[in-house]
PDB file of all heavy atoms in Angstrom:
ATOM      1  N   LEU A   1      82.801  11.231  27.256  1.00  0.00           N
ATOM      2  CA  LEU A   1      83.226  12.496  27.836  1.00  0.00           C
ATOM      3  C   LEU A   1      82.969  12.513  29.338  1.00  0.00           C
ATOM      4  O   LEU A   1      81.892  12.148  29.805  1.00  0.00           O
ATOM      5  CB  LEU A   1      82.467  13.643  27.170  1.00  0.00           C
ATOM      6  CG  LEU A   1      82.790  15.063  27.618  1.00  0.00           C
ATOM      7  CD1 LEU A   1      84.229  15.435  27.278  1.00  0.00           C
ATOM      8  CD2 LEU A   1      81.821  16.049  26.959  1.00  0.00           C
ATOM      9  N   GLY A   2      83.968  12.979  30.075  1.00  0.00           N
ATOM     10  CA  GLY A   2      83.821  13.118  31.512  1.00  0.00           C
ATOM     11  C   GLY A   2      84.587  14.327  32.019  1.00  0.00           C
ATOM     12  O   GLY A   2      85.303  14.992  31.261  1.00  0.00           O
ATOM     13  N   VAL A   3      84.432  14.610  33.298  1.00  0.00           N
ATOM     14  CA  VAL A   3      85.156  15.690  33.953  1.00  0.00           C
ATOM     15  C   VAL A   3      85.960  15.090  35.099  1.00  0.00           C
ATOM     16  O   VAL A   3      85.414  14.370  35.946  1.00  0.00           O
ATOM     17  CB  VAL A   3      84.200  16.771  34.481  1.00  0.00           C
ATOM     18  CG1 VAL A   3      84.975  17.846  35.236  1.00  0.00           C
ATOM     19  CG2 VAL A   3      83.425  17.401  33.335  1.00  0.00           C
ATOM     20  N   LEU A   4      87.255  15.378  35.109  1.00  0.00           N
ATOM     21  CA  LEU A   4      88.165  14.820  36.092  1.00  0.00           C
ATOM     22  C   LEU A   4      88.695  15.928  37.000  1.00  0.00           C
ATOM     23  O   LEU A   4      89.211  16.944  36.510  1.00  0.00           O
ATOM     24  CB  LEU A   4      89.332  14.119  35.385  1.00  0.00           C
ATOM     25  CG  LEU A   4      90.474  13.617  36.268  1.00  0.00           C
ATOM     26  CD1 LEU A   4      89.986  12.519  37.208  1.00  0.00           C
ATOM     27  CD2 LEU A   4      91.623  13.104  35.395  1.00  0.00           C
ATOM     28  N   ASP A   5      88.568  15.706  38.292  1.00  0.00           N
ATOM     29  CA  ASP A   5      89.193  16.601  39.272  1.00  0.00           C
ATOM     30  C   ASP A   5      90.608  16.085  39.500  1.00  0.00           C
ATOM     31  O   ASP A   5      90.781  15.009  40.085  1.00  0.00           O
ATOM     32  CB  ASP A   5      88.399  16.579  40.577  1.00  0.00           C
ATOM     33  CG  ASP A   5      88.952  17.544  41.622  1.00  0.00           C
ATOM     34  OD1 ASP A   5      90.165  17.855  41.572  1.00  0.00           O
ATOM     35  OD2 ASP A   5      88.185  17.974  42.495  1.00  0.00           O
ATOM     36  N   PRO A   6      91.636  16.819  39.048  1.00  0.00           N
ATOM     37  CA  PRO A   6      92.999  16.283  39.147  1.00  0.00           C
ATOM     38  C   PRO A   6      93.504  16.177  40.581  1.00  0.00           C
ATOM     39  O   PRO A   6      94.477  15.460  40.831  1.00  0.00           O
ATOM     40  CB  PRO A   6      93.825  17.294  38.342  1.00  0.00           C
ATOM     41  CG  PRO A   6      93.054  18.556  38.379  1.00  0.00           C
ATOM     42  CD  PRO A   6      91.620  18.154  38.420  1.00  0.00           C
ATOM     43  N   GLU A   7      92.883  16.856  41.521  1.00  0.00           N
ATOM     44  CA  GLU A   7      93.329  16.778  42.917  1.00  0.00           C
ATOM     45  C   GLU A   7      92.774  15.536  43.610  1.00  0.00           C
ATOM     46  O   GLU A   7      93.498  14.811  44.275  1.00  0.00           O
ATOM     47  CB  GLU A   7      92.907  18.047  43.668  1.00  0.00           C
ATOM     48  CG  GLU A   7      93.494  19.324  43.103  1.00  0.00           C
ATOM     49  CD  GLU A   7      95.010  19.278  43.019  1.00  0.00           C
ATOM     50  OE1 GLU A   7      95.653  18.747  43.957  1.00  0.00           O
ATOM     51  OE2 GLU A   7      95.567  19.765  42.009  1.00  0.00           O
ATOM     52  N   SER A   8      91.492  15.279  43.441  1.00  0.00           N
ATOM     53  CA  SER A   8      90.862  14.146  44.121  1.00  0.00           C
ATOM     54  C   SER A   8      90.861  12.876  43.284  1.00  0.00           C
ATOM     55  O   SER A   8      90.692  11.781  43.824  1.00  0.00           O
ATOM     56  CB  SER A   8      89.419  14.497  44.490  1.00  0.00           C
ATOM     57  OG  SER A   8      88.625  14.652  43.316  1.00  0.00           O
ATOM     58  N   GLY A   9      91.022  13.007  41.961  1.00  0.00           N
ATOM     59  CA  GLY A   9      90.932  11.853  41.079  1.00  0.00           C
ATOM     60  C   GLY A   9      89.511  11.454  40.741  1.00  0.00           C
ATOM     61  O   GLY A   9      89.288  10.439  40.075  1.00  0.00           O
ATOM     62  N   THR A  10      88.536  12.241  41.169  1.00  0.00           N
ATOM     63  CA  THR A  10      87.134  11.933  40.889  1.00  0.00           C
ATOM     64  C   THR A  10      86.823  12.171  39.414  1.00  0.00           C
ATOM     65  O   THR A  10      87.073  13.261  38.882  1.00  0.00           O
ATOM     66  CB  THR A  10      86.204  12.799  41.749  1.00  0.00           C
ATOM     67  OG1 THR A  10      86.484  12.556  43.127  1.00  0.00           O
ATOM     68  CG2 THR A  10      84.743  12.477  41.451  1.00  0.00           C
ATOM     69  N   LEU A  11      86.266  11.166  38.783  1.00  0.00           N
ATOM     70  CA  LEU A  11      85.901  11.241  37.366  1.00  0.00           C
ATOM     71  C   LEU A  11      84.398  11.071  37.236  1.00  0.00           C
ATOM     72  O   LEU A  11      83.836  10.063  37.673  1.00  0.00           O
ATOM     73  CB  LEU A  11      86.623  10.151  36.568  1.00  0.00           C
ATOM     74  CG  LEU A  11      86.260   9.999  35.095  1.00  0.00           C
ATOM     75  CD1 LEU A  11      86.542  11.280  34.326  1.00  0.00           C
ATOM     76  CD2 LEU A  11      87.019   8.825  34.473  1.00  0.00           C
ATOM     77  N   THR A  12      83.746  12.064  36.667  1.00  0.00           N
ATOM     78  CA  THR A  12      82.292  12.049  36.506  1.00  0.00           C
ATOM     79  C   THR A  12      81.942  12.112  35.036  1.00  0.00           C
ATOM     80  O   THR A  12      82.346  13.042  34.336  1.00  0.00           O
ATOM     81  CB  THR A  12      81.653  13.243  37.234  1.00  0.00           C
ATOM     82  OG1 THR A  12      82.063  13.233  38.599  1.00  0.00           O
ATOM     83  CG2 THR A  12      80.140  13.164  37.155  1.00  0.00           C
ATOM     84  N   ASP A  13      81.218  11.109  34.555  1.00  0.00           N
ATOM     85  CA  ASP A  13      80.807  11.099  33.152  1.00  0.00           C
ATOM     86  C   ASP A  13      79.682  12.092  32.907  1.00  0.00           C
ATOM     87  O   ASP A  13      78.835  12.328  33.781  1.00  0.00           O
ATOM     88  CB  ASP A  13      80.347   9.709  32.734  1.00  0.00           C
ATOM     89  CG  ASP A  13      81.508   8.758  32.515  1.00  0.00           C
ATOM     90  OD1 ASP A  13      82.635   9.248  32.331  1.00  0.00           O
ATOM     91  OD2 ASP A  13      81.282   7.535  32.533  1.00  0.00           O
ATOM     92  N   LEU A  14      79.647  12.647  31.711  1.00  0.00           N
ATOM     93  CA  LEU A  14      78.594  13.563  31.303  1.00  0.00           C
ATOM     94  C   LEU A  14      77.643  12.853  30.350  1.00  0.00           C
ATOM     95  O   LEU A  14      78.081  12.192  29.406  1.00  0.00           O
ATOM     96  CB  LEU A  14      79.194  14.788  30.613  1.00  0.00           C
ATOM     97  CG  LEU A  14      80.115  15.659  31.470  1.00  0.00           C
ATOM     98  CD1 LEU A  14      80.737  16.755  30.618  1.00  0.00           C
ATOM     99  CD2 LEU A  14      79.347  16.259  32.633  1.00  0.00           C
ATOM    100  N   GLU A  15      76.359  13.009  30.597  1.00  0.00           N
ATOM    101  CA  GLU A  15      75.374  12.437  29.688  1.00  0.00           C
ATOM    102  C   GLU A  15      75.235  13.358  28.482  1.00  0.00           C
ATOM    103  O   GLU A  15      74.847  14.518  28.622  1.00  0.00           O
ATOM    104  CB  GLU A  15      74.030  12.278  30.399  1.00  0.00           C
ATOM    105  CG  GLU A  15      74.044  11.256  31.521  1.00  0.00           C
ATOM    106  CD  GLU A  15      72.695  11.120  32.204  1.00  0.00           C
ATOM    107  OE1 GLU A  15      71.767  11.840  31.779  1.00  0.00           O
ATOM    108  OE2 GLU A  15      72.576  10.323  33.145  1.00  0.00           O
ATOM    109  N   THR A  16      75.550  12.849  27.331  1.00  0.00           N
ATOM    110  CA  THR A  16      75.420  13.601  26.085  1.00  0.00           C
ATOM    111  C   THR A  16      74.714  12.714  25.070  1.00  0.00           C
ATOM    112  O   THR A  16      74.537  11.514  25.308  1.00  0.00           O
ATOM    113  CB  THR A  16      76.805  14.020  25.542  1.00  0.00           C
ATOM    114  OG1 THR A  16      77.461  12.864  24.996  1.00  0.00           O
ATOM    115  CG2 THR A  16      77.665  14.641  26.629  1.00  0.00           C
ATOM    116  N   PRO A  17      74.333  13.253  23.934  1.00  0.00           N
ATOM    117  CA  PRO A  17      73.671  12.422  22.924  1.00  0.00           C
ATOM    118  C   PRO A  17      74.635  11.510  22.166  1.00  0.00           C
ATOM    119  O   PRO A  17      74.213  10.821  21.245  1.00  0.00           O
ATOM    120  CB  PRO A  17      73.064  13.458  21.958  1.00  0.00           C
ATOM    121  CG  PRO A  17      73.171  14.766  22.637  1.00  0.00           C
ATOM    122  CD  PRO A  17      74.319  14.674  23.564  1.00  0.00           C
ATOM    123  N   PHE A  18      75.909  11.478  22.553  1.00  0.00           N
ATOM    124  CA  PHE A  18      76.917  10.807  21.750  1.00  0.00           C
ATOM    125  C   PHE A  18      77.448   9.554  22.440  1.00  0.00           C
ATOM    126  O   PHE A  18      77.611   9.514  23.656  1.00  0.00           O
ATOM    127  CB  PHE A  18      78.072  11.758  21.455  1.00  0.00           C
ATOM    128  CG  PHE A  18      77.625  13.068  20.857  1.00  0.00           C
ATOM    129  CD1 PHE A  18      77.727  14.248  21.566  1.00  0.00           C
ATOM    130  CD2 PHE A  18      77.083  13.105  19.581  1.00  0.00           C
ATOM    131  CE1 PHE A  18      77.302  15.448  21.022  1.00  0.00           C
ATOM    132  CE2 PHE A  18      76.651  14.290  19.020  1.00  0.00           C
ATOM    133  CZ  PHE A  18      76.753  15.475  19.746  1.00  0.00           C
ATOM    134  N   SER A  19      77.756   8.551  21.623  1.00  0.00           N
ATOM    135  CA  SER A  19      78.355   7.325  22.148  1.00  0.00           C
ATOM    136  C   SER A  19      79.871   7.403  22.170  1.00  0.00           C
ATOM    137  O   SER A  19      80.524   6.600  22.838  1.00  0.00           O
ATOM    138  CB  SER A  19      77.931   6.121  21.293  1.00  0.00           C
ATOM    139  OG  SER A  19      78.350   6.283  19.943  1.00  0.00           O
ATOM    140  N   GLY A  20      80.444   8.343  21.441  1.00  0.00           N
ATOM    141  CA  GLY A  20      81.888   8.494  21.411  1.00  0.00           C
ATOM    142  C   GLY A  20      82.282   9.864  20.898  1.00  0.00           C
ATOM    143  O   GLY A  20      81.458  10.607  20.350  1.00  0.00           O
ATOM    144  N   TRP A  21      83.562  10.196  21.097  1.00  0.00           N
ATOM    145  CA  TRP A  21      84.099  11.496  20.710  1.00  0.00           C
ATOM    146  C   TRP A  21      85.459  11.311  20.057  1.00  0.00           C
ATOM    147  O   TRP A  21      86.224  10.410  20.428  1.00  0.00           O
ATOM    148  CB  TRP A  21      84.269  12.402  21.937  1.00  0.00           C
ATOM    149  CG  TRP A  21      83.001  12.771  22.634  1.00  0.00           C
ATOM    150  CD1 TRP A  21      82.229  11.966  23.423  1.00  0.00           C
ATOM    151  CD2 TRP A  21      82.351  14.051  22.610  1.00  0.00           C
ATOM    152  NE1 TRP A  21      81.138  12.659  23.896  1.00  0.00           N
ATOM    153  CE2 TRP A  21      81.193  13.943  23.412  1.00  0.00           C
ATOM    154  CE3 TRP A  21      82.647  15.268  22.004  1.00  0.00           C
ATOM    155  CZ2 TRP A  21      80.324  15.013  23.616  1.00  0.00           C
ATOM    156  CZ3 TRP A  21      81.787  16.337  22.212  1.00  0.00           C
ATOM    157  CH2 TRP A  21      80.635  16.206  22.995  1.00  0.00           C
ATOM    158  N   ASP A  22      85.783  12.195  19.102  1.00  0.00           N
ATOM    159  CA  ASP A  22      87.138  12.241  18.570  1.00  0.00           C
ATOM    160  C   ASP A  22      88.095  12.715  19.657  1.00  0.00           C
ATOM    161  O   ASP A  22      87.717  13.513  20.530  1.00  0.00           O
ATOM    162  CB  ASP A  22      87.225  13.222  17.389  1.00  0.00           C
ATOM    163  CG  ASP A  22      86.624  12.656  16.120  1.00  0.00           C
ATOM    164  OD1 ASP A  22      86.159  11.500  16.142  1.00  0.00           O
ATOM    165  OD2 ASP A  22      86.610  13.382  15.112  1.00  0.00           O
ATOM    166  N   ALA A  23      89.334  12.253  19.573  1.00  0.00           N
ATOM    167  CA  ALA A  23      90.339  12.625  20.575  1.00  0.00           C
ATOM    168  C   ALA A  23      90.919  14.000  20.258  1.00  0.00           C
ATOM    169  O   ALA A  23      92.120  14.161  20.008  1.00  0.00           O
ATOM    170  CB  ALA A  23      91.434  11.575  20.641  1.00  0.00           C
ATOM    171  N   ALA A  24      90.051  15.006  20.252  1.00  0.00           N
ATOM    172  CA  ALA A  24      90.461  16.387  19.977  1.00  0.00           C
ATOM    173  C   ALA A  24      89.486  17.323  20.672  1.00  0.00           C
ATOM    174  O   ALA A  24      88.464  17.705  20.098  1.00  0.00           O
ATOM    175  CB  ALA A  24      90.502  16.654  18.476  1.00  0.00           C
ATOM    176  N   LEU A  25      89.784  17.673  21.922  1.00  0.00           N
ATOM    177  CA  LEU A  25      88.927  18.548  22.711  1.00  0.00           C
ATOM    178  C   LEU A  25      89.539  19.936  22.826  1.00  0.00           C
ATOM    179  O   LEU A  25      90.758  20.104  22.752  1.00  0.00           O
ATOM    180  CB  LEU A  25      88.725  17.974  24.116  1.00  0.00           C
ATOM    181  CG  LEU A  25      87.995  16.640  24.242  1.00  0.00           C
ATOM    182  CD1 LEU A  25      87.879  16.248  25.709  1.00  0.00           C
ATOM    183  CD2 LEU A  25      86.612  16.689  23.595  1.00  0.00           C
ATOM    184  N   THR A  26      88.690  20.937  23.039  1.00  0.00           N
ATOM    185  CA  THR A  26      89.131  22.308  23.236  1.00  0.00           C
ATOM    186  C   THR A  26      88.230  22.946  24.283  1.00  0.00           C
ATOM    187  O   THR A  26      87.007  22.762  24.252  1.00  0.00           O
ATOM    188  CB  THR A  26      89.094  23.096  21.910  1.00  0.00           C
ATOM    189  OG1 THR A  26      89.427  24.468  22.154  1.00  0.00           O
ATOM    190  CG2 THR A  26      87.743  23.014  21.243  1.00  0.00           C
ATOM    191  N   ALA A  27      88.828  23.654  25.238  1.00  0.00           N
ATOM    192  CA  ALA A  27      88.067  24.251  26.342  1.00  0.00           C
ATOM    193  C   ALA A  27      87.985  25.755  26.181  1.00  0.00           C
ATOM    194  O   ALA A  27      88.886  26.403  25.651  1.00  0.00           O
ATOM    195  CB  ALA A  27      88.713  23.906  27.679  1.00  0.00           C
ATOM    196  N   ASP A  28      86.871  26.306  26.670  1.00  0.00           N
ATOM    197  CA  ASP A  28      86.665  27.757  26.699  1.00  0.00           C
ATOM    198  C   ASP A  28      85.968  28.071  28.015  1.00  0.00           C
ATOM    199  O   ASP A  28      84.744  27.960  28.120  1.00  0.00           O
ATOM    200  CB  ASP A  28      85.816  28.182  25.501  1.00  0.00           C
ATOM    201  CG  ASP A  28      85.626  29.693  25.400  1.00  0.00           C
ATOM    202  OD1 ASP A  28      86.353  30.422  26.110  1.00  0.00           O
ATOM    203  OD2 ASP A  28      84.761  30.140  24.626  1.00  0.00           O
ATOM    204  N   GLY A  29      86.760  28.417  29.035  1.00  0.00           N
ATOM    205  CA  GLY A  29      86.192  28.620  30.361  1.00  0.00           C
ATOM    206  C   GLY A  29      85.724  27.306  30.943  1.00  0.00           C
ATOM    207  O   GLY A  29      86.495  26.356  31.065  1.00  0.00           O
ATOM    208  N   THR A  30      84.446  27.213  31.286  1.00  0.00           N
ATOM    209  CA  THR A  30      83.895  25.968  31.815  1.00  0.00           C
ATOM    210  C   THR A  30      83.073  25.215  30.778  1.00  0.00           C
ATOM    211  O   THR A  30      82.204  24.415  31.119  1.00  0.00           O
ATOM    212  CB  THR A  30      83.026  26.249  33.052  1.00  0.00           C
ATOM    213  OG1 THR A  30      82.001  27.177  32.705  1.00  0.00           O
ATOM    214  CG2 THR A  30      83.865  26.794  34.193  1.00  0.00           C
ATOM    215  N   SER A  31      83.342  25.452  29.520  1.00  0.00           N
ATOM    216  CA  SER A  31      82.708  24.669  28.457  1.00  0.00           C
ATOM    217  C   SER A  31      83.780  23.922  27.689  1.00  0.00           C
ATOM    218  O   SER A  31      84.943  24.333  27.629  1.00  0.00           O
ATOM    219  CB  SER A  31      81.897  25.562  27.516  1.00  0.00           C
ATOM    220  OG  SER A  31      82.749  26.369  26.735  1.00  0.00           O
ATOM    221  N   VAL A  32      83.385  22.816  27.082  1.00  0.00           N
ATOM    222  CA  VAL A  32      84.301  22.019  26.278  1.00  0.00           C
ATOM    223  C   VAL A  32      83.640  21.744  24.939  1.00  0.00           C
ATOM    224  O   VAL A  32      82.427  21.516  24.859  1.00  0.00           O
ATOM    225  CB  VAL A  32      84.675  20.699  26.987  1.00  0.00           C
ATOM    226  CG1 VAL A  32      83.454  19.834  27.251  1.00  0.00           C
ATOM    227  CG2 VAL A  32      85.704  19.920  26.174  1.00  0.00           C
TER     228      VAL A  32
END
């Protein structure tokens, strides 16, 4: 999981307890 700024192209990974994620994300404001 990461956060991408579509204007600058900057991609920042988020440290989470998980090694992988299903390809099904949903956003609610600034949470995912």
